[in-house]
Protein backbone atom coordinates (compact mmCIF):
# COMPACT_ATOMS: atom_id res chain seq x y z
CA MET A 1 -3.63 8.33 -10.51
CA TRP A 2 -3.87 9.53 -6.93
CA LYS A 3 -3.05 13.10 -7.89
CA SER A 4 -6.02 13.09 -10.27
CA ILE A 5 -8.47 12.87 -7.36
CA SER A 6 -10.03 16.29 -6.89
CA GLU A 7 -10.09 17.89 -3.43
CA GLU A 8 -13.89 17.70 -3.40
CA ASN A 9 -13.73 13.90 -3.88
CA LEU A 10 -10.92 13.05 -1.44
CA TYR A 11 -13.28 12.25 1.44
CA TRP A 12 -15.95 10.52 -0.65
CA LYS A 13 -16.69 6.86 0.00
CA PRO A 14 -19.41 4.64 -1.44
CA ASP A 15 -20.84 3.66 1.97
CA ASP A 16 -20.15 3.97 5.68
CA GLY A 17 -18.14 0.73 5.80
CA ALA A 18 -15.76 1.72 3.00
CA MET A 19 -12.56 3.75 3.03
CA SER A 20 -12.64 7.24 1.56
CA CYS A 21 -10.36 7.99 -1.39
CA PHE A 22 -7.95 9.69 1.03
CA GLN A 23 -8.04 6.78 3.47
CA MET A 24 -7.32 4.33 0.67
CA VAL A 25 -4.28 6.27 -0.51
CA ARG A 26 -2.98 6.34 3.07
CA HIS A 27 -3.77 2.63 3.46
CA VAL A 28 -1.71 1.69 0.39
CA LEU A 29 1.21 3.89 1.46
CA GLU A 30 1.11 2.55 5.04
CA SER A 31 0.79 -1.01 3.85
CA GLU A 32 3.97 -0.78 1.82
CA ASN A 33 5.84 0.21 4.97
CA ILE A 34 4.12 -2.47 7.02
CA TYR A 35 4.96 -5.13 4.40
CA HIS A 36 8.58 -3.96 4.62
CA GLN A 37 8.58 -4.50 8.39
CA ILE A 38 6.93 -7.90 7.99
CA ILE A 39 9.64 -8.94 5.52
CA LEU A 40 12.47 -7.63 7.68
CA HIS A 41 11.15 -9.67 10.61
CA ARG A 42 10.23 -12.72 8.47
CA GLY A 43 6.56 -12.40 9.31
CA ALA A 44 6.47 -11.09 12.85
CA LEU A 45 4.95 -7.63 13.00
CA GLY A 46 4.53 -7.46 16.74
CA ASP A 47 3.14 -4.15 17.99
CA TYR A 48 4.64 -2.15 15.11
CA GLU A 49 2.66 0.95 14.22
CA SER A 50 3.16 2.79 10.97
CA PRO A 51 4.77 6.22 11.34
CA LEU A 52 2.04 7.56 9.05
CA THR A 53 -0.73 6.56 11.46
CA GLY A 54 -2.25 9.59 13.11
CA ASN A 55 -0.92 12.11 10.60
CA PRO A 56 -3.61 14.59 9.64
CA TYR A 57 -5.04 14.24 6.14
CA THR A 58 -3.87 17.36 4.31
CA SER A 59 -3.13 16.60 0.65
CA ILE A 60 -2.13 13.77 -1.64
CA ASP A 61 1.22 15.51 -2.16
CA ASP A 62 1.82 15.50 1.61
CA GLU A 63 0.88 11.81 1.81
CA LEU A 64 3.41 10.99 -0.91
CA LYS A 65 6.08 13.19 0.66
CA ASN A 66 5.59 11.64 4.12
CA ALA A 67 5.74 8.11 2.72
CA GLN A 68 8.73 8.69 0.41
CA PRO A 69 11.55 7.89 2.89
CA TYR A 70 9.88 4.60 3.80
CA ARG A 71 9.28 3.74 0.16
CA GLU A 72 12.94 4.38 -0.63
CA LYS A 73 14.03 2.02 2.16
CA PHE A 74 11.59 -0.64 0.94
CA LEU A 75 12.82 -0.38 -2.66
CA LYS A 76 16.44 -0.45 -1.53
CA MET A 77 15.74 -3.66 0.37
CA ILE A 78 14.06 -5.20 -2.70
CA HIS A 79 16.94 -4.22 -5.00
CA GLY A 80 19.37 -5.92 -2.61
CA LEU A 81 17.61 -9.29 -2.65
CA THR A 82 19.17 -12.26 -4.39
CA LEU A 83 17.34 -14.91 -6.39
CA LYS A 84 18.29 -17.38 -3.68
CA GLU A 85 16.62 -15.22 -1.01
CA LEU A 86 13.47 -14.88 -3.12
CA GLU A 87 13.25 -18.67 -3.32
CA GLU A 88 14.58 -19.78 0.06
CA VAL A 89 13.49 -17.14 2.58
CA TYR A 90 10.03 -17.69 3.99
CA ILE A 91 7.63 -15.18 5.48
CA THR A 92 5.55 -16.84 8.19
CA ARG A 93 2.59 -15.01 9.64
CA LYS A 94 1.01 -17.35 12.13
CA ASP A 95 -1.80 -14.91 12.92
CA LYS A 96 -2.84 -15.01 9.23
CA ASN A 97 -1.99 -18.71 8.72
CA GLN A 98 0.48 -17.70 5.99
CA HIS A 99 3.77 -19.35 5.05
CA ARG A 100 5.09 -18.05 1.74
CA LYS A 101 8.36 -17.71 -0.11
CA LEU A 102 9.66 -14.14 -0.08
CA GLY A 103 9.27 -13.87 -3.87
CA ASP A 104 5.62 -14.84 -3.63
CA TYR A 105 5.07 -12.49 -0.73
CA LEU A 106 6.47 -9.56 -2.72
CA LEU A 107 4.06 -10.33 -5.55
CA ARG A 108 1.22 -10.09 -3.03
CA VAL A 109 2.40 -6.59 -2.10
CA ALA A 110 1.96 -5.57 -5.74
CA TYR A 111 -1.37 -7.36 -5.90
CA HIS A 112 -2.61 -5.45 -2.83
CA GLU A 113 -1.80 -2.12 -4.47
CA SER A 114 -3.45 -3.27 -7.73
CA VAL A 115 -6.67 -4.17 -5.92
CA HIS A 116 -6.88 -0.73 -4.36
CA THR A 117 -6.04 0.96 -7.65
CA GLY A 118 -9.02 -0.80 -9.15
CA GLN A 119 -11.20 0.27 -6.22
CA LEU A 120 -10.19 3.90 -6.62
CA LEU A 121 -10.88 3.78 -10.35
CA ASP A 122 -14.32 2.41 -9.54
CA TYR A 123 -14.87 5.21 -7.00
CA LEU A 124 -13.95 7.79 -9.62
CA ARG A 125 -16.19 6.14 -12.22
CA THR A 126 -19.07 6.18 -9.73
CA LEU A 127 -18.44 9.87 -9.11
CA LYS A 128 -18.28 10.46 -12.86
CA ALA A 129 -14.91 12.10 -12.18
CA PRO A 130 -12.03 12.15 -14.63
CA ARG A 131 -9.81 9.09 -14.31
CA ALA A 132 -6.14 8.79 -15.16
CA VAL A 133 -5.43 6.40 -18.01
CA ILE A 134 -3.09 3.88 -16.42
CA TRP A 135 -3.37 0.97 -18.81
CA ASP A 136 -0.82 0.22 -21.53
């Protein structure tokens, strides 16, 4: 879906308080890496800063390329999890008042991406721009 956003629409946002299309793509890609760090440290993020922060916005292809190594590490970690870990490991984020099983926390990662997918589809609908058909 991200690759269907035209160059002329990449920086569009519905209002000053919203993310642009480009910013939202970066946010989702960064968040996946940040969630990975949170899981590795069982909730403690500390002063971790995403390696994508500060990169110039150039193209969606560059965003995907830059995030790919981090995505591969995240997916490798997920594939290595056992059912026992999904049920018995807890992610505790005191700053967010969260205490969740790892399995539940991973579902929230997918939910986060889904929310932003819906936002981007709404952006494109508002712009009357072509939208990728992503539904089964």
